[in-house]
Each structure stands twice: as structure tokens, then as C-alpha cells.
Amino acid sequence: MRIMDDWIGLLFFVLLIVGAFVGLKVLSKPVKRTEAEFERNAAESTSMLGAGMNALQEALDPAAARAKEVQTQLKEGRYGKKKREGKADGDVESGRDGDAEIINNERLTKK
């Protein structure tokens, strides 16, 4: 009976290796598709990958996310239009905001 168990175990491992080989061979076969399908899939993949990377970057570095938001507001001309009352990093009376100083410091350090 011991010899039969050895053959069953050996057969299991051989089938496992053959199955893995066949599975990898099937997965590596290129998919036939038109140029339009390829372009559409490439555009979708990039946007999902980009969105995922942006979300990961925002989670890892919240200051960079805030800086990106401020830069977007500057481009749109909305930055500093509303006075923020009660902010610890901004001086409401003088119209200065601490975020602008952070952006300027980042520009100086990148040079």
C-alpha cells in the first residue's frame, strides 16, 4: 500500500507541473484584436492606472495633494478669492495665506 501512495503523490506533482505549464502557455498566447480595440483598451488602462497612482500618491503624501489642489485653483483663478477665517496658517487681515508660501518654498527647493 505504501508503494501505491508514492505513485499517487508523484502523479499529483506531475499533473500540477504539467497544468501550470499548460496554463502559462495559454495565458502567454497573444489576443487577436483590431487596432481600434487596442487603442480603446490602452486609453482605459492608462486612465485607471493613473487614477490609482494618483490616489496612492495622495494617501502617502497629503501635502502634495494639497499643493496640487492649490495649483489647480491658481490656474483657474479661484485661489485666494475667499478669505478663510479661523485658519491657523493664514493671516486673514493682511490677505496672506500660508499655502502660497509653501508653494513658493517648493519652487525654490526644486531649482
C-alpha atoms as a PDB file:
ATOM      1  CA  MET A   1       0.000   0.000   0.000  1.00  0.00           C
ATOM      2  CA  ARG A   2       2.934   2.334   0.680  1.00  0.00           C
ATOM      3  CA  ILE A   3       4.153   1.995  -2.920  1.00  0.00           C
ATOM      4  CA  MET A   4       0.696   2.987  -4.213  1.00  0.00           C
ATOM      5  CA  ASP A   5       0.723   6.174  -2.094  1.00  0.00           C
ATOM      6  CA  ASP A   6       4.109   7.159  -3.543  1.00  0.00           C
ATOM      7  CA  TRP A   7       2.817   6.761  -7.112  1.00  0.00           C
ATOM      8  CA  ILE A   8      -0.305   8.806  -6.340  1.00  0.00           C
ATOM      9  CA  GLY A   9       1.820  11.603  -4.839  1.00  0.00           C
ATOM     10  CA  LEU A  10       4.202  11.547  -7.796  1.00  0.00           C
ATOM     11  CA  LEU A  11       1.256  11.629 -10.224  1.00  0.00           C
ATOM     12  CA  PHE A  12      -0.207  14.618  -8.359  1.00  0.00           C
ATOM     13  CA  PHE A  13       3.024  16.636  -8.641  1.00  0.00           C
ATOM     14  CA  VAL A  14       3.488  15.711 -12.306  1.00  0.00           C
ATOM     15  CA  LEU A  15      -0.079  16.801 -13.094  1.00  0.00           C
ATOM     16  CA  LEU A  16       0.445  20.002 -11.104  1.00  0.00           C
ATOM     17  CA  ILE A  17       3.588  20.880 -13.056  1.00  0.00           C
ATOM     18  CA  VAL A  18       2.004  19.983 -16.415  1.00  0.00           C
ATOM     19  CA  GLY A  19      -1.125  22.023 -15.531  1.00  0.00           C
ATOM     20  CA  ALA A  20       0.973  25.046 -14.559  1.00  0.00           C
ATOM     21  CA  PHE A  21       2.957  24.771 -17.800  1.00  0.00           C
ATOM     22  CA  VAL A  22      -0.180  24.482 -19.964  1.00  0.00           C
ATOM     23  CA  GLY A  23      -1.874  27.329 -18.084  1.00  0.00           C
ATOM     24  CA  LEU A  24       1.100  29.649 -18.583  1.00  0.00           C
ATOM     25  CA  LYS A  25       1.242  28.694 -22.255  1.00  0.00           C
ATOM     26  CA  VAL A  26      -2.450  29.597 -22.705  1.00  0.00           C
ATOM     27  CA  LEU A  27      -2.015  32.896 -20.858  1.00  0.00           C
ATOM     28  CA  SER A  28       1.014  33.886 -22.919  1.00  0.00           C
ATOM     29  CA  LYS A  29      -0.799  33.452 -26.248  1.00  0.00           C
ATOM     30  CA  PRO A  30      -1.416  36.902 -27.788  1.00  0.00           C
ATOM     31  CA  VAL A  31      -5.010  38.006 -28.177  1.00  0.00           C
ATOM     32  CA  LYS A  32      -6.122  38.904 -31.689  1.00  0.00           C
ATOM     33  CA  ARG A  33      -7.904  42.255 -31.759  1.00  0.00           C
ATOM     34  CA  THR A  34      -8.333  45.194 -34.048  1.00  0.00           C
ATOM     35  CA  GLU A  35      -6.399  48.430 -33.812  1.00  0.00           C
ATOM     36  CA  ALA A  36      -9.498  50.271 -32.552  1.00  0.00           C
ATOM     37  CA  GLU A  37      -9.964  47.759 -29.720  1.00  0.00           C
ATOM     38  CA  PHE A  38      -6.306  48.057 -28.801  1.00  0.00           C
ATOM     39  CA  GLU A  39      -6.453  51.878 -28.705  1.00  0.00           C
ATOM     40  CA  ARG A  40      -9.646  51.834 -26.621  1.00  0.00           C
ATOM     41  CA  ASN A  41      -8.194  49.360 -24.112  1.00  0.00           C
ATOM     42  CA  ALA A  42      -4.940  51.307 -23.918  1.00  0.00           C
ATOM     43  CA  ALA A  43      -6.813  54.530 -23.175  1.00  0.00           C
ATOM     44  CA  GLU A  44      -8.918  52.885 -20.464  1.00  0.00           C
ATOM     45  CA  SER A  45      -5.967  51.147 -18.845  1.00  0.00           C
ATOM     46  CA  THR A  46      -3.951  54.338 -18.649  1.00  0.00           C
ATOM     47  CA  SER A  47      -6.766  56.239 -17.004  1.00  0.00           C
ATOM     48  CA  MET A  48      -7.411  53.542 -14.415  1.00  0.00           C
ATOM     49  CA  LEU A  49      -3.706  53.150 -13.721  1.00  0.00           C
ATOM     50  CA  GLY A  50      -3.259  56.906 -13.491  1.00  0.00           C
ATOM     51  CA  ALA A  51      -6.219  57.279 -11.158  1.00  0.00           C
ATOM     52  CA  GLY A  52      -4.907  54.517  -8.941  1.00  0.00           C
ATOM     53  CA  MET A  53      -1.451  56.041  -8.797  1.00  0.00           C
ATOM     54  CA  ASN A  54      -2.884  59.497  -8.002  1.00  0.00           C
ATOM     55  CA  ALA A  55      -4.977  58.068  -5.178  1.00  0.00           C
ATOM     56  CA  LEU A  56      -1.955  56.223  -3.803  1.00  0.00           C
ATOM     57  CA  GLN A  57       0.184  59.373  -4.007  1.00  0.00           C
ATOM     58  CA  GLU A  58      -2.480  61.411  -2.200  1.00  0.00           C
ATOM     59  CA  ALA A  59      -2.708  58.804   0.542  1.00  0.00           C
ATOM     60  CA  LEU A  60       1.060  58.667   1.020  1.00  0.00           C
ATOM     61  CA  ASP A  61       1.715  62.414   0.768  1.00  0.00           C
ATOM     62  CA  PRO A  62      -1.274  64.600   1.734  1.00  0.00           C
ATOM     63  CA  ALA A  63       0.814  67.783   1.433  1.00  0.00           C
ATOM     64  CA  ALA A  64       1.438  67.049  -2.243  1.00  0.00           C
ATOM     65  CA  ALA A  65      -2.296  66.540  -2.755  1.00  0.00           C
ATOM     66  CA  ARG A  66      -2.978  69.930  -1.144  1.00  0.00           C
ATOM     67  CA  ALA A  67      -0.283  71.534  -3.300  1.00  0.00           C
ATOM     68  CA  LYS A  68      -1.854  70.023  -6.429  1.00  0.00           C
ATOM     69  CA  GLU A  69      -5.241  71.389  -5.387  1.00  0.00           C
ATOM     70  CA  VAL A  70      -3.775  74.867  -4.808  1.00  0.00           C
ATOM     71  CA  GLN A  71      -2.029  74.802  -8.200  1.00  0.00           C
ATOM     72  CA  THR A  72      -5.325  73.898  -9.869  1.00  0.00           C
ATOM     73  CA  GLN A  73      -7.043  76.780  -8.074  1.00  0.00           C
ATOM     74  CA  LEU A  74      -4.275  79.157  -9.156  1.00  0.00           C
ATOM     75  CA  LYS A  75      -4.678  78.119 -12.796  1.00  0.00           C
ATOM     76  CA  GLU A  76      -8.441  78.622 -12.605  1.00  0.00           C
ATOM     77  CA  GLY A  77      -8.065  81.956 -10.830  1.00  0.00           C
ATOM     78  CA  ARG A  78     -10.025  80.864  -7.763  1.00  0.00           C
ATOM     79  CA  TYR A  79      -7.193  80.855  -5.247  1.00  0.00           C
ATOM     80  CA  GLY A  80      -7.431  83.498  -2.531  1.00  0.00           C
ATOM     81  CA  LYS A  81     -10.839  84.786  -3.660  1.00  0.00           C
ATOM     82  CA  LYS A  82     -12.483  83.821  -0.396  1.00  0.00           C
ATOM     83  CA  LYS A  83     -10.982  84.852   2.884  1.00  0.00           C
ATOM     84  CA  ARG A  84     -10.593  81.885   5.132  1.00  0.00           C
ATOM     85  CA  GLU A  85     -11.418  82.800   8.674  1.00  0.00           C
ATOM     86  CA  GLY A  86     -10.011  80.798  11.520  1.00  0.00           C
ATOM     87  CA  LYS A  87      -7.167  79.210   9.561  1.00  0.00           C
ATOM     88  CA  ALA A  88      -4.037  78.821  11.646  1.00  0.00           C
ATOM     89  CA  ASP A  89      -1.646  79.087   8.685  1.00  0.00           C
ATOM     90  CA  GLY A  90      -3.156  82.179   7.048  1.00  0.00           C
ATOM     91  CA  ASP A  91      -3.286  85.838   8.002  1.00  0.00           C
ATOM     92  CA  VAL A  92      -6.808  86.991   7.142  1.00  0.00           C
ATOM     93  CA  GLU A  93      -6.239  90.700   7.745  1.00  0.00           C
ATOM     94  CA  SER A  94      -3.191  91.035   5.522  1.00  0.00           C
ATOM     95  CA  GLY A  95      -4.593  88.702   2.872  1.00  0.00           C
ATOM     96  CA  ARG A  96      -1.587  86.403   3.100  1.00  0.00           C
ATOM     97  CA  ASP A  97      -2.067  82.690   3.091  1.00  0.00           C
ATOM     98  CA  GLY A  98       0.419  80.131   4.341  1.00  0.00           C
ATOM     99  CA  ASP A  99      -0.235  77.793   1.412  1.00  0.00           C
ATOM    100  CA  ALA A 100       1.192  80.300  -1.057  1.00  0.00           C
ATOM    101  CA  GLU A 101       4.390  80.422   0.969  1.00  0.00           C
ATOM    102  CA  ILE A 102       4.592  76.628   0.893  1.00  0.00           C
ATOM    103  CA  ILE A 103       4.268  76.594  -2.891  1.00  0.00           C
ATOM    104  CA  ASN A 104       6.943  79.283  -3.252  1.00  0.00           C
ATOM    105  CA  ASN A 105       9.274  77.327  -0.960  1.00  0.00           C
ATOM    106  CA  GLU A 106       8.710  74.175  -3.027  1.00  0.00           C
ATOM    107  CA  ARG A 107       9.591  76.068  -6.200  1.00  0.00           C
ATOM    108  CA  LEU A 108      12.790  77.348  -4.619  1.00  0.00           C
ATOM    109  CA  THR A 109      13.855  73.915  -3.440  1.00  0.00           C
ATOM    110  CA  LYS A 110      13.264  72.306  -6.872  1.00  0.00           C
ATOM    111  CA  LYS A 111      15.750  74.616  -8.604  1.00  0.00           C
END
